[in-house]
Structure formats: structure tokens, C-alpha cells
Amino acid sequence: MEVPPRARSEPGGIGRCWEVAAMELSLTVGFDGSEPGFRALDWAVDEAAVHGLTLRVVHASRWERYELSAGPLQRRAGEQAGRDAVGAAVRRAEERNPRAVVETEVLAEDPAQALVRASRTSWALVTGARGLGGFPGLLLGSVGLEVAARALCPVIVVRGDASGSGAGARRILLGVSDSPGSAEAVRFALREAAARGCPLEGVRAWRCPAHETTPHPALADGVCLYHQARADTLLDEALTAPLRHCPSVHPIRTLVEGPAHRVLVDRTSGADLVVIGAHRRPHRPGPQLGRVAQALLHHSRCPVAVVPRVEDGARG
């Protein structure tokens, strides 16, 4: 697959869709040498080329395993295995895009913890849907799930049909919600659509609450029309202002009646990427992924970007 050369955005071009400071950060991909890891690496190479970013390949593993039980020879062997893995990643990246600028890190650390820490200095993080850290029976590996739930930058989990990151892009799918992270997700989705030159489909699911139904058909229709109109207004409000800064992006506004998690999963077929927002509270324990994010991360037919709204000071 041919990918575009690295290029910084010129003033007045699509670069106006995002902050210049973001260009100083790298795109980080977690790589473990597995098949899903190679698929995530390929996607990350294309993504870095599209945005003109340096690609940072991070391999993290507790090669000392049960800590004190491993001797020096075992630790050296584990470290060498990590270096071999990133060496293979660099070769793969250069074969896919000879212009790629690649940096590497080999860490004796829990993979999820290493990637969450790397999120403080990354433009975005890319992981595979399954890898060496996954548990049998899970559709998304444990590392990918934890990183998506805790990272302080956008996380792209490469799953489904990941072929759309290069030429022939089709569309970026955006789930528009009332969550605090929605505005950041809109901006991220616009950047992706502008960089690829493809449409942005903003999707808003709506439902008529059960407690507002009425046995009289005429009144019931009125209640449903109210919620549909409200969803239409919220969708328009979410997209109108950001689109003024990205006039090159063709928007598609879609209203669908039904549960948001089902609506979005159903529409991921044929998309390059689906983008959703999340609210990160770094000092709050436990998972921070909602039902929609969980459904997409486990069942999407295309890569999934979880874009956080991080509380002030979290990256410091």
C-alpha cells in the first residue's frame, strides 16, 4: 500500500483543523510481535504518514516475570526478545513507508501501564484488538481495554476492517453524544476526515423514553417527534461550529432511532474509523468506559478511536 509522504500542514490548509502544538508530539503504537500487533503497526505507519508525525514504537513486557524469581540470564533474554521485536517493527514500518521516521522504546514494564504513561506525551496511541496480553474469551485484549479506559490522549484500537487508513478512504464515523468528551471527539474526527479527504458522518441516536409514552397514538407521535427534533438540534450544534474551521470536510448528518451502542456498531461497516468521546478522571479508580465505548471496542467492524476529555492538570 502506498502512503502519502510526510508533510507538515500549510497555513490555511487542513492544518487549520488542529492545534500546531500537536504536531510536536509523536504517534505511539504498542507492539508485542503478535499478528494483531503487526496490524496495529501497519495502521499506525499509515496514520503517522497522513498527519506528518514521528512514529514511536513501544514494546513493554515484564520479561523478568515474577520479578525476583528470574535470574540475570532470563532478564537479558527477555530484553533481547524485546529488542528483536522492535527491530522487526522498524523493518516492517520502513517497508510500508520508506519515508517513515521511527523511534523505539523497550521497557521492562507492564504493557498497559507503560502505554498509559506514554499517553501523556503522545498525539495518540494505537493498539491491536488482541495481543499477548489478552485473555481467552475476550473480544478485546486486556491491554487494549485498560489503555482505552485510562489513557490521557486519543486511543485507536485497530480491529475489524483496518484497510481504510491509506488510499481510497471512505468515511469517518463520529458518535455524537452529550458526554463531556464529545467536543474533543468532534475535533479529532474532523482532523481525520480532513487529512484523508473523506466525508465525516456524524451519527446521533435517539429514543423515546418509555416513561413518556402514552396510550393515545396522536400524543405518542408528538412525544417521539419532540425527541427526534431535540436530537437533530443537538447534532447540528455539535457539528456546525467546528465545521467552520474545516470547510474542506463534507459532513453527513445521520439521525437513527435506537440504542446508541447498537446504532454505531451497525454503521461501522465500510468506515475507516469510528470516533467516540470519553471523560477521563485520572484520580477516579476503576474503568471509565461507558456502554457505547465497550460495545464498539468489542464489536466494531473498523478501528475505534476513544477520545478523552481530560480534567485540567492531568497531563502535568
C-alpha atoms as a PDB file:
ATOM      1  CA  MET A   1       0.000   0.000   0.000  1.00  0.00           C
ATOM      2  CA  GLU A   2       1.311   3.420  -0.921  1.00  0.00           C
ATOM      3  CA  VAL A   3       1.018   6.103   1.702  1.00  0.00           C
ATOM      4  CA  PRO A   4       1.467   9.840   1.320  1.00  0.00           C
ATOM      5  CA  PRO A   5       4.849  11.360   2.205  1.00  0.00           C
ATOM      6  CA  ARG A   6       5.381  13.085   5.496  1.00  0.00           C
ATOM      7  CA  ALA A   7       4.239  16.675   5.181  1.00  0.00           C
ATOM      8  CA  ARG A   8       3.503  19.446   7.606  1.00  0.00           C
ATOM      9  CA  SER A   9       0.220  21.247   7.031  1.00  0.00           C
ATOM     10  CA  GLU A  10       0.444  24.652   5.434  1.00  0.00           C
ATOM     11  CA  PRO A  11      -1.316  27.731   6.862  1.00  0.00           C
ATOM     12  CA  GLY A  12      -4.836  27.976   5.541  1.00  0.00           C
ATOM     13  CA  GLY A  13      -4.939  24.290   4.596  1.00  0.00           C
ATOM     14  CA  ILE A  14      -6.339  21.360   6.508  1.00  0.00           C
ATOM     15  CA  GLY A  15      -3.778  22.091   9.219  1.00  0.00           C
ATOM     16  CA  ARG A  16      -6.163  24.775  10.479  1.00  0.00           C
ATOM     17  CA  CYS A  17      -8.335  21.936  11.765  1.00  0.00           C
ATOM     18  CA  TRP A  18      -5.971  21.143  14.601  1.00  0.00           C
ATOM     19  CA  GLU A  19      -3.535  22.732  17.002  1.00  0.00           C
ATOM     20  CA  VAL A  20       0.022  23.264  15.782  1.00  0.00           C
ATOM     21  CA  ALA A  21       1.343  22.045  19.143  1.00  0.00           C
ATOM     22  CA  ALA A  22       0.009  18.569  18.408  1.00  0.00           C
ATOM     23  CA  MET A  23       2.485  18.255  15.540  1.00  0.00           C
ATOM     24  CA  GLU A  24       5.345  18.243  18.072  1.00  0.00           C
ATOM     25  CA  LEU A  25       4.060  15.014  19.612  1.00  0.00           C
ATOM     26  CA  SER A  26       4.601  11.515  18.287  1.00  0.00           C
ATOM     27  CA  LEU A  27       2.112   8.831  17.371  1.00  0.00           C
ATOM     28  CA  THR A  28       2.738   5.903  19.716  1.00  0.00           C
ATOM     29  CA  VAL A  29       1.964   2.288  18.878  1.00  0.00           C
ATOM     30  CA  GLY A  30       2.129  -0.557  21.374  1.00  0.00           C
ATOM     31  CA  PHE A  31       3.808  -3.510  19.665  1.00  0.00           C
ATOM     32  CA  ASP A  32       4.161  -7.052  21.004  1.00  0.00           C
ATOM     33  CA  GLY A  33       5.087  -9.007  17.877  1.00  0.00           C
ATOM     34  CA  SER A  34       1.684 -10.701  17.560  1.00  0.00           C
ATOM     35  CA  GLU A  35      -0.441 -10.705  14.409  1.00  0.00           C
ATOM     36  CA  PRO A  36      -2.819  -8.052  15.839  1.00  0.00           C
ATOM     37  CA  GLY A  37       0.296  -6.098  16.813  1.00  0.00           C
ATOM     38  CA  PHE A  38       1.508  -6.070  13.211  1.00  0.00           C
ATOM     39  CA  ARG A  39      -1.929  -4.952  12.008  1.00  0.00           C
ATOM     40  CA  ALA A  40      -1.874  -2.109  14.534  1.00  0.00           C
ATOM     41  CA  LEU A  41       1.656  -1.200  13.430  1.00  0.00           C
ATOM     42  CA  ASP A  42       0.633  -1.050   9.757  1.00  0.00           C
ATOM     43  CA  TRP A  43      -2.308   1.194  10.620  1.00  0.00           C
ATOM     44  CA  ALA A  44      -0.077   3.423  12.742  1.00  0.00           C
ATOM     45  CA  VAL A  45       2.502   3.778   9.954  1.00  0.00           C
ATOM     46  CA  ASP A  46      -0.220   4.997   7.598  1.00  0.00           C
ATOM     47  CA  GLU A  47      -1.692   7.302  10.244  1.00  0.00           C
ATOM     48  CA  ALA A  48       1.693   8.868  11.007  1.00  0.00           C
ATOM     49  CA  ALA A  49       2.228   9.500   7.290  1.00  0.00           C
ATOM     50  CA  VAL A  50      -1.206  11.073   6.863  1.00  0.00           C
ATOM     51  CA  HIS A  51      -0.525  13.568   9.673  1.00  0.00           C
ATOM     52  CA  GLY A  52       3.248  14.024   9.224  1.00  0.00           C
ATOM     53  CA  LEU A  53       4.089  12.583  12.638  1.00  0.00           C
ATOM     54  CA  THR A  54       7.033  10.664  14.050  1.00  0.00           C
ATOM     55  CA  LEU A  55       6.078   7.089  14.908  1.00  0.00           C
ATOM     56  CA  ARG A  56       7.136   5.800  18.313  1.00  0.00           C
ATOM     57  CA  VAL A  57       7.091   2.013  18.718  1.00  0.00           C
ATOM     58  CA  VAL A  58       6.834   0.890  22.352  1.00  0.00           C
ATOM     59  CA  HIS A  59       7.428  -2.718  23.373  1.00  0.00           C
ATOM     60  CA  ALA A  60       6.746  -3.300  27.056  1.00  0.00           C
ATOM     61  CA  SER A  61       6.924  -6.657  28.815  1.00  0.00           C
ATOM     62  CA  ARG A  62       7.646  -7.952  32.268  1.00  0.00           C
ATOM     63  CA  TRP A  63      10.361 -10.220  30.966  1.00  0.00           C
ATOM     64  CA  GLU A  64      11.628 -10.718  34.499  1.00  0.00           C
ATOM     65  CA  ARG A  65       8.129 -12.167  35.017  1.00  0.00           C
ATOM     66  CA  TYR A  66       7.643 -12.962  38.637  1.00  0.00           C
ATOM     67  CA  GLU A  67      10.268 -10.395  39.487  1.00  0.00           C
ATOM     68  CA  LEU A  68      12.791 -11.913  41.915  1.00  0.00           C
ATOM     69  CA  SER A  69      12.297 -15.444  40.540  1.00  0.00           C
ATOM     70  CA  ALA A  70      14.060 -14.537  37.259  1.00  0.00           C
ATOM     71  CA  GLY A  71      17.832 -14.532  37.101  1.00  0.00           C
ATOM     72  CA  PRO A  72      20.163 -12.238  35.112  1.00  0.00           C
ATOM     73  CA  LEU A  73      20.245 -14.575  32.096  1.00  0.00           C
ATOM     74  CA  GLN A  74      16.451 -14.667  31.909  1.00  0.00           C
ATOM     75  CA  ARG A  75      16.219 -10.903  32.163  1.00  0.00           C
ATOM     76  CA  ARG A  76      18.812 -10.407  29.414  1.00  0.00           C
ATOM     77  CA  ALA A  77      16.993 -12.927  27.213  1.00  0.00           C
ATOM     78  CA  GLY A  78      13.712 -11.089  27.778  1.00  0.00           C
ATOM     79  CA  GLU A  79      15.298  -7.749  26.974  1.00  0.00           C
ATOM     80  CA  GLN A  80      16.831  -9.157  23.782  1.00  0.00           C
ATOM     81  CA  ALA A  81      13.451 -10.557  22.739  1.00  0.00           C
ATOM     82  CA  GLY A  82      12.006  -7.063  23.151  1.00  0.00           C
ATOM     83  CA  ARG A  83      14.757  -5.535  21.029  1.00  0.00           C
ATOM     84  CA  ASP A  84      14.204  -8.177  18.368  1.00  0.00           C
ATOM     85  CA  ALA A  85      10.502  -7.303  18.355  1.00  0.00           C
ATOM     86  CA  VAL A  86      11.050  -3.572  17.840  1.00  0.00           C
ATOM     87  CA  GLY A  87      13.689  -4.359  15.207  1.00  0.00           C
ATOM     88  CA  ALA A  88      11.070  -6.328  13.283  1.00  0.00           C
ATOM     89  CA  ALA A  89       8.650  -3.435  13.766  1.00  0.00           C
ATOM     90  CA  VAL A  90      11.113  -0.907  12.328  1.00  0.00           C
ATOM     91  CA  ARG A  91      11.759  -3.100   9.281  1.00  0.00           C
ATOM     92  CA  ARG A  92       8.025  -3.539   8.716  1.00  0.00           C
ATOM     93  CA  ALA A  93       7.425   0.214   9.056  1.00  0.00           C
ATOM     94  CA  GLU A  94      10.206   1.106   6.608  1.00  0.00           C
ATOM     95  CA  GLU A  95       8.950  -1.434   4.091  1.00  0.00           C
ATOM     96  CA  ARG A  96       5.455   0.034   4.290  1.00  0.00           C
ATOM     97  CA  ASN A  97       6.640   3.647   4.095  1.00  0.00           C
ATOM     98  CA  PRO A  98      10.341   4.327   3.377  1.00  0.00           C
ATOM     99  CA  ARG A  99       9.839   7.941   4.473  1.00  0.00           C
ATOM    100  CA  ALA A 100       8.663   6.954   7.946  1.00  0.00           C
ATOM    101  CA  VAL A 101      10.543   8.390  10.919  1.00  0.00           C
ATOM    102  CA  VAL A 102      10.514   5.730  13.630  1.00  0.00           C
ATOM    103  CA  GLU A 103      11.628   5.833  17.261  1.00  0.00           C
ATOM    104  CA  THR A 104      11.624   2.808  19.586  1.00  0.00           C
ATOM    105  CA  GLU A 105      11.404   2.016  23.290  1.00  0.00           C
ATOM    106  CA  VAL A 106      11.895  -1.336  25.021  1.00  0.00           C
ATOM    107  CA  LEU A 107      10.587  -1.327  28.588  1.00  0.00           C
ATOM    108  CA  ALA A 108      10.605  -3.906  31.383  1.00  0.00           C
ATOM    109  CA  GLU A 109       7.153  -2.873  32.491  1.00  0.00           C
ATOM    110  CA  ASP A 110       3.521  -3.879  32.398  1.00  0.00           C
ATOM    111  CA  PRO A 111       2.356  -3.065  28.844  1.00  0.00           C
ATOM    112  CA  ALA A 112      -0.824  -1.258  29.878  1.00  0.00           C
ATOM    113  CA  GLN A 113       0.958   0.873  32.478  1.00  0.00           C
ATOM    114  CA  ALA A 114       3.724   1.754  30.012  1.00  0.00           C
ATOM    115  CA  LEU A 115       1.261   2.848  27.328  1.00  0.00           C
ATOM    116  CA  VAL A 116      -0.886   4.855  29.748  1.00  0.00           C
ATOM    117  CA  ARG A 117       2.233   6.695  30.865  1.00  0.00           C
ATOM    118  CA  ALA A 118       3.245   7.233  27.227  1.00  0.00           C
ATOM    119  CA  SER A 119      -0.166   8.811  26.608  1.00  0.00           C
ATOM    120  CA  ARG A 120       0.988  11.912  28.491  1.00  0.00           C
ATOM    121  CA  THR A 121       3.413  12.749  25.678  1.00  0.00           C
ATOM    122  CA  SER A 122       1.629  11.227  22.653  1.00  0.00           C
ATOM    123  CA  TRP A 123      -0.576  12.738  19.961  1.00  0.00           C
ATOM    124  CA  ALA A 124      -2.443   9.430  20.036  1.00  0.00           C
ATOM    125  CA  LEU A 125      -1.915   5.780  20.996  1.00  0.00           C
ATOM    126  CA  VAL A 126      -2.519   2.812  18.705  1.00  0.00           C
ATOM    127  CA  THR A 127      -3.031  -0.763  19.937  1.00  0.00           C
ATOM    128  CA  GLY A 128      -4.160  -4.051  18.477  1.00  0.00           C
ATOM    129  CA  ALA A 129      -7.520  -5.607  19.266  1.00  0.00           C
ATOM    130  CA  ARG A 130      -5.866  -8.683  20.715  1.00  0.00           C
ATOM    131  CA  GLY A 131      -2.318  -9.440  21.703  1.00  0.00           C
ATOM    132  CA  LEU A 132      -0.091 -11.349  24.044  1.00  0.00           C
ATOM    133  CA  GLY A 133      -1.744  -9.605  26.979  1.00  0.00           C
ATOM    134  CA  GLY A 134      -5.255 -10.770  26.052  1.00  0.00           C
ATOM    135  CA  PHE A 135      -7.309 -13.300  27.980  1.00  0.00           C
ATOM    136  CA  PRO A 136      -9.154 -16.110  26.168  1.00  0.00           C
ATOM    137  CA  GLY A 137     -12.830 -15.310  25.632  1.00  0.00           C
ATOM    138  CA  LEU A 138     -12.388 -11.544  25.394  1.00  0.00           C
ATOM    139  CA  LEU A 139     -13.062  -9.887  22.049  1.00  0.00           C
ATOM    140  CA  LEU A 140     -10.677  -7.093  23.027  1.00  0.00           C
ATOM    141  CA  GLY A 141      -7.417  -7.897  24.797  1.00  0.00           C
ATOM    142  CA  SER A 142      -6.916  -6.813  28.379  1.00  0.00           C
ATOM    143  CA  VAL A 143      -4.127  -4.370  27.469  1.00  0.00           C
ATOM    144  CA  GLY A 144      -6.188  -2.604  24.811  1.00  0.00           C
ATOM    145  CA  LEU A 145      -9.175  -2.360  27.118  1.00  0.00           C
ATOM    146  CA  GLU A 146      -7.182  -0.882  30.003  1.00  0.00           C
ATOM    147  CA  VAL A 147      -5.358   1.607  27.783  1.00  0.00           C
ATOM    148  CA  ALA A 148      -8.599   2.741  26.158  1.00  0.00           C
ATOM    149  CA  ALA A 149     -10.091   3.257  29.628  1.00  0.00           C
ATOM    150  CA  ARG A 150      -7.190   5.167  31.185  1.00  0.00           C
ATOM    151  CA  ALA A 151      -5.106   6.958  28.550  1.00  0.00           C
ATOM    152  CA  LEU A 152      -4.876  10.744  28.537  1.00  0.00           C
ATOM    153  CA  CYS A 153      -4.711  11.043  24.741  1.00  0.00           C
ATOM    154  CA  PRO A 154      -6.850   9.537  21.969  1.00  0.00           C
ATOM    155  CA  VAL A 155      -6.552   5.742  21.741  1.00  0.00           C
ATOM    156  CA  ILE A 156      -7.126   3.904  18.468  1.00  0.00           C
ATOM    157  CA  VAL A 157      -7.828   0.188  18.800  1.00  0.00           C
ATOM    158  CA  VAL A 158      -7.264  -1.436  15.420  1.00  0.00           C
ATOM    159  CA  ARG A 159      -9.943  -4.028  14.819  1.00  0.00           C
ATOM    160  CA  GLY A 160     -12.338  -5.014  12.045  1.00  0.00           C
ATOM    161  CA  ASP A 161     -11.524  -3.878   8.506  1.00  0.00           C
ATOM    162  CA  ALA A 162      -8.473  -1.689   9.093  1.00  0.00           C
ATOM    163  CA  SER A 163      -7.641  -1.241   5.406  1.00  0.00           C
ATOM    164  CA  GLY A 164      -9.067   2.262   5.088  1.00  0.00           C
ATOM    165  CA  SER A 165      -6.196   4.200   6.661  1.00  0.00           C
ATOM    166  CA  GLY A 166      -4.430   4.687   3.329  1.00  0.00           C
ATOM    167  CA  ALA A 167      -5.668   5.411  -0.182  1.00  0.00           C
ATOM    168  CA  GLY A 168      -9.315   5.040  -1.080  1.00  0.00           C
ATOM    169  CA  ALA A 169     -10.642   6.299   2.254  1.00  0.00           C
ATOM    170  CA  ARG A 170     -14.412   6.060   2.576  1.00  0.00           C
ATOM    171  CA  ARG A 171     -15.666   7.935   5.611  1.00  0.00           C
ATOM    172  CA  ILE A 172     -15.012   8.782   9.253  1.00  0.00           C
ATOM    173  CA  LEU A 173     -17.858   7.836  11.574  1.00  0.00           C
ATOM    174  CA  LEU A 174     -18.481  10.018  14.634  1.00  0.00           C
ATOM    175  CA  GLY A 175     -20.761   9.175  17.519  1.00  0.00           C
ATOM    176  CA  VAL A 176     -22.240  12.467  18.771  1.00  0.00           C
ATOM    177  CA  SER A 177     -23.414  12.428  22.376  1.00  0.00           C
ATOM    178  CA  ASP A 178     -23.975  14.692  25.381  1.00  0.00           C
ATOM    179  CA  SER A 179     -20.851  13.393  27.148  1.00  0.00           C
ATOM    180  CA  PRO A 180     -18.187  15.874  28.331  1.00  0.00           C
ATOM    181  CA  GLY A 181     -15.728  14.406  25.809  1.00  0.00           C
ATOM    182  CA  SER A 182     -17.937  14.979  22.787  1.00  0.00           C
ATOM    183  CA  ALA A 183     -16.339  18.264  21.654  1.00  0.00           C
ATOM    184  CA  GLU A 184     -12.831  16.758  21.649  1.00  0.00           C
ATOM    185  CA  ALA A 185     -14.135  13.763  19.711  1.00  0.00           C
ATOM    186  CA  VAL A 186     -15.687  16.056  17.079  1.00  0.00           C
ATOM    187  CA  ARG A 187     -12.403  17.896  16.563  1.00  0.00           C
ATOM    188  CA  PHE A 188     -10.441  14.640  16.336  1.00  0.00           C
ATOM    189  CA  ALA A 189     -12.884  13.191  13.813  1.00  0.00           C
ATOM    190  CA  LEU A 190     -12.669  16.358  11.704  1.00  0.00           C
ATOM    191  CA  ARG A 191      -8.874  16.134  11.665  1.00  0.00           C
ATOM    192  CA  GLU A 192      -9.087  12.549  10.455  1.00  0.00           C
ATOM    193  CA  ALA A 193     -11.619  13.349   7.734  1.00  0.00           C
ATOM    194  CA  ALA A 194      -9.684  16.409   6.565  1.00  0.00           C
ATOM    195  CA  ALA A 195      -6.383  14.536   6.419  1.00  0.00           C
ATOM    196  CA  ARG A 196      -7.927  11.727   4.373  1.00  0.00           C
ATOM    197  CA  GLY A 197     -10.113  13.936   2.200  1.00  0.00           C
ATOM    198  CA  CYS A 198     -13.188  11.878   3.032  1.00  0.00           C
ATOM    199  CA  PRO A 199     -16.655  12.687   4.430  1.00  0.00           C
ATOM    200  CA  LEU A 200     -17.423  12.867   8.137  1.00  0.00           C
ATOM    201  CA  GLU A 201     -20.635  11.134   9.153  1.00  0.00           C
ATOM    202  CA  GLY A 202     -21.940  12.447  12.459  1.00  0.00           C
ATOM    203  CA  VAL A 203     -24.407   9.993  13.992  1.00  0.00           C
ATOM    204  CA  ARG A 204     -26.862  10.818  16.736  1.00  0.00           C
ATOM    205  CA  ALA A 205     -29.029   8.037  18.146  1.00  0.00           C
ATOM    206  CA  TRP A 206     -32.301   8.948  19.807  1.00  0.00           C
ATOM    207  CA  ARG A 207     -35.062   7.137  21.646  1.00  0.00           C
ATOM    208  CA  CYS A 208     -38.471   7.934  23.012  1.00  0.00           C
ATOM    209  CA  PRO A 209     -38.202   7.241  26.772  1.00  0.00           C
ATOM    210  CA  ALA A 210     -40.585   4.539  27.984  1.00  0.00           C
ATOM    211  CA  HIS A 211     -41.880   6.679  30.850  1.00  0.00           C
ATOM    212  CA  GLU A 212     -43.044   9.339  28.362  1.00  0.00           C
ATOM    213  CA  THR A 213     -45.142   7.040  26.186  1.00  0.00           C
ATOM    214  CA  THR A 214     -48.913   7.446  26.076  1.00  0.00           C
ATOM    215  CA  PRO A 215     -51.729   5.107  25.009  1.00  0.00           C
ATOM    216  CA  HIS A 216     -53.140   7.786  22.673  1.00  0.00           C
ATOM    217  CA  PRO A 217     -51.433   7.420  19.225  1.00  0.00           C
ATOM    218  CA  ALA A 218     -51.550  11.121  18.401  1.00  0.00           C
ATOM    219  CA  LEU A 219     -49.892  12.091  21.672  1.00  0.00           C
ATOM    220  CA  ALA A 220     -47.312   9.324  21.330  1.00  0.00           C
ATOM    221  CA  ASP A 221     -46.315  10.614  17.912  1.00  0.00           C
ATOM    222  CA  GLY A 222     -45.864  14.074  19.374  1.00  0.00           C
ATOM    223  CA  VAL A 223     -43.575  12.811  22.142  1.00  0.00           C
ATOM    224  CA  CYS A 224     -41.388  10.911  19.661  1.00  0.00           C
ATOM    225  CA  LEU A 225     -41.223  13.854  17.287  1.00  0.00           C
ATOM    226  CA  TYR A 226     -40.050  16.052  20.166  1.00  0.00           C
ATOM    227  CA  HIS A 227     -37.133  13.720  20.999  1.00  0.00           C
ATOM    228  CA  GLN A 228     -36.226  13.330  17.339  1.00  0.00           C
ATOM    229  CA  ALA A 229     -36.197  17.108  16.862  1.00  0.00           C
ATOM    230  CA  ARG A 230     -34.116  17.567  20.009  1.00  0.00           C
ATOM    231  CA  ALA A 231     -31.568  15.016  18.756  1.00  0.00           C
ATOM    232  CA  ASP A 232     -31.443  16.818  15.409  1.00  0.00           C
ATOM    233  CA  THR A 233     -30.745  20.124  17.168  1.00  0.00           C
ATOM    234  CA  LEU A 234     -28.002  18.632  19.341  1.00  0.00           C
ATOM    235  CA  LEU A 235     -26.349  17.025  16.311  1.00  0.00           C
ATOM    236  CA  ASP A 236     -26.388  20.315  14.419  1.00  0.00           C
ATOM    237  CA  GLU A 237     -24.999  22.233  17.414  1.00  0.00           C
ATOM    238  CA  ALA A 238     -22.168  19.719  17.840  1.00  0.00           C
ATOM    239  CA  LEU A 239     -21.020  19.945  14.212  1.00  0.00           C
ATOM    240  CA  THR A 240     -21.778  23.460  12.980  1.00  0.00           C
ATOM    241  CA  ALA A 241     -19.097  25.493  14.782  1.00  0.00           C
ATOM    242  CA  PRO A 242     -16.196  23.016  14.314  1.00  0.00           C
ATOM    243  CA  LEU A 243     -17.054  22.600  10.622  1.00  0.00           C
ATOM    244  CA  ARG A 244     -16.438  26.314  10.050  1.00  0.00           C
ATOM    245  CA  HIS A 245     -12.742  25.644  10.700  1.00  0.00           C
ATOM    246  CA  CYS A 246     -12.680  22.693   8.291  1.00  0.00           C
ATOM    247  CA  PRO A 247     -14.505  23.846   5.168  1.00  0.00           C
ATOM    248  CA  SER A 248     -12.911  21.040   3.127  1.00  0.00           C
ATOM    249  CA  VAL A 249     -14.775  18.349   5.084  1.00  0.00           C
ATOM    250  CA  HIS A 250     -18.109  17.189   3.696  1.00  0.00           C
ATOM    251  CA  PRO A 251     -20.448  16.442   6.637  1.00  0.00           C
ATOM    252  CA  ILE A 252     -23.142  13.779   6.663  1.00  0.00           C
ATOM    253  CA  ARG A 253     -25.696  14.220   9.446  1.00  0.00           C
ATOM    254  CA  THR A 254     -27.452  10.998  10.442  1.00  0.00           C
ATOM    255  CA  LEU A 255     -30.268  10.538  12.964  1.00  0.00           C
ATOM    256  CA  VAL A 256     -31.193   6.968  13.903  1.00  0.00           C
ATOM    257  CA  GLU A 257     -33.803   5.797  16.367  1.00  0.00           C
ATOM    258  CA  GLY A 258     -32.460   3.143  18.713  1.00  0.00           C
ATOM    259  CA  PRO A 259     -29.836   2.412  21.407  1.00  0.00           C
ATOM    260  CA  ALA A 260     -26.638   4.312  20.667  1.00  0.00           C
ATOM    261  CA  HIS A 261     -24.332   1.307  21.109  1.00  0.00           C
ATOM    262  CA  ARG A 262     -26.281  -0.784  18.595  1.00  0.00           C
ATOM    263  CA  VAL A 263     -26.719   2.059  16.129  1.00  0.00           C
ATOM    264  CA  LEU A 264     -22.994   2.827  15.998  1.00  0.00           C
ATOM    265  CA  VAL A 265     -21.852  -0.788  15.801  1.00  0.00           C
ATOM    266  CA  ASP A 266     -24.235  -1.371  12.893  1.00  0.00           C
ATOM    267  CA  ARG A 267     -22.837   1.632  10.984  1.00  0.00           C
ATOM    268  CA  THR A 268     -19.145   0.722  11.351  1.00  0.00           C
ATOM    269  CA  SER A 269     -19.197  -1.447   8.220  1.00  0.00           C
ATOM    270  CA  GLY A 270     -17.355   0.378   5.452  1.00  0.00           C
ATOM    271  CA  ALA A 271     -15.963   3.109   7.737  1.00  0.00           C
ATOM    272  CA  ASP A 272     -12.267   3.921   8.065  1.00  0.00           C
ATOM    273  CA  LEU A 273     -12.587   4.801  11.731  1.00  0.00           C
ATOM    274  CA  VAL A 274     -15.298   5.330  14.322  1.00  0.00           C
ATOM    275  CA  VAL A 275     -14.687   8.097  16.862  1.00  0.00           C
ATOM    276  CA  ILE A 276     -16.319   8.496  20.270  1.00  0.00           C
ATOM    277  CA  GLY A 277     -15.673  10.751  23.232  1.00  0.00           C
ATOM    278  CA  ALA A 278     -14.912   9.861  26.840  1.00  0.00           C
ATOM    279  CA  HIS A 279     -14.393  11.753  30.081  1.00  0.00           C
ATOM    280  CA  ARG A 280     -11.179  10.954  31.928  1.00  0.00           C
ATOM    281  CA  ARG A 281     -10.972  11.437  35.688  1.00  0.00           C
ATOM    282  CA  PRO A 282      -7.366  10.431  36.445  1.00  0.00           C
ATOM    283  CA  HIS A 283      -7.915  10.235  40.199  1.00  0.00           C
ATOM    284  CA  ARG A 284     -11.062   8.151  39.952  1.00  0.00           C
ATOM    285  CA  PRO A 285     -10.417   4.403  40.417  1.00  0.00           C
ATOM    286  CA  GLY A 286     -11.849   1.736  38.158  1.00  0.00           C
ATOM    287  CA  PRO A 287     -12.834   1.591  34.481  1.00  0.00           C
ATOM    288  CA  GLN A 288     -14.015   4.764  32.782  1.00  0.00           C
ATOM    289  CA  LEU A 289     -15.633   3.369  29.662  1.00  0.00           C
ATOM    290  CA  GLY A 290     -19.354   3.629  29.032  1.00  0.00           C
ATOM    291  CA  ARG A 291     -21.677   1.202  27.317  1.00  0.00           C
ATOM    292  CA  VAL A 292     -21.187   2.655  23.841  1.00  0.00           C
ATOM    293  CA  ALA A 293     -17.383   2.534  24.065  1.00  0.00           C
ATOM    294  CA  GLN A 294     -17.466  -1.012  25.405  1.00  0.00           C
ATOM    295  CA  ALA A 295     -19.734  -2.170  22.588  1.00  0.00           C
ATOM    296  CA  LEU A 296     -17.577  -0.600  19.882  1.00  0.00           C
ATOM    297  CA  LEU A 297     -14.302  -1.854  21.314  1.00  0.00           C
ATOM    298  CA  HIS A 298     -15.631  -5.408  21.326  1.00  0.00           C
ATOM    299  CA  HIS A 299     -17.804  -5.472  18.191  1.00  0.00           C
ATOM    300  CA  SER A 300     -16.847  -2.667  15.773  1.00  0.00           C
ATOM    301  CA  ARG A 301     -16.076  -3.661  12.177  1.00  0.00           C
ATOM    302  CA  CYS A 302     -13.497  -0.874  11.835  1.00  0.00           C
ATOM    303  CA  PRO A 303     -10.814   0.698  14.070  1.00  0.00           C
ATOM    304  CA  VAL A 304     -12.154   2.580  17.100  1.00  0.00           C
ATOM    305  CA  ALA A 305     -10.828   5.911  18.432  1.00  0.00           C
ATOM    306  CA  VAL A 306     -11.676   6.756  22.041  1.00  0.00           C
ATOM    307  CA  VAL A 307     -11.006  10.475  22.523  1.00  0.00           C
ATOM    308  CA  PRO A 308     -10.831  11.675  26.127  1.00  0.00           C
ATOM    309  CA  ARG A 309     -11.693  14.963  27.669  1.00  0.00           C
ATOM    310  CA  VAL A 310      -9.054  15.059  30.380  1.00  0.00           C
ATOM    311  CA  GLU A 311      -9.500  17.087  33.531  1.00  0.00           C
ATOM    312  CA  ASP A 312      -7.151  20.070  33.904  1.00  0.00           C
ATOM    313  CA  GLY A 313      -3.637  19.222  35.074  1.00  0.00           C
ATOM    314  CA  ALA A 314      -3.907  15.519  34.280  1.00  0.00           C
ATOM    315  CA  ARG A 315      -1.054  15.560  31.778  1.00  0.00           C
ATOM    316  CA  GLY A 316       1.270  17.504  34.006  1.00  0.00           C
END
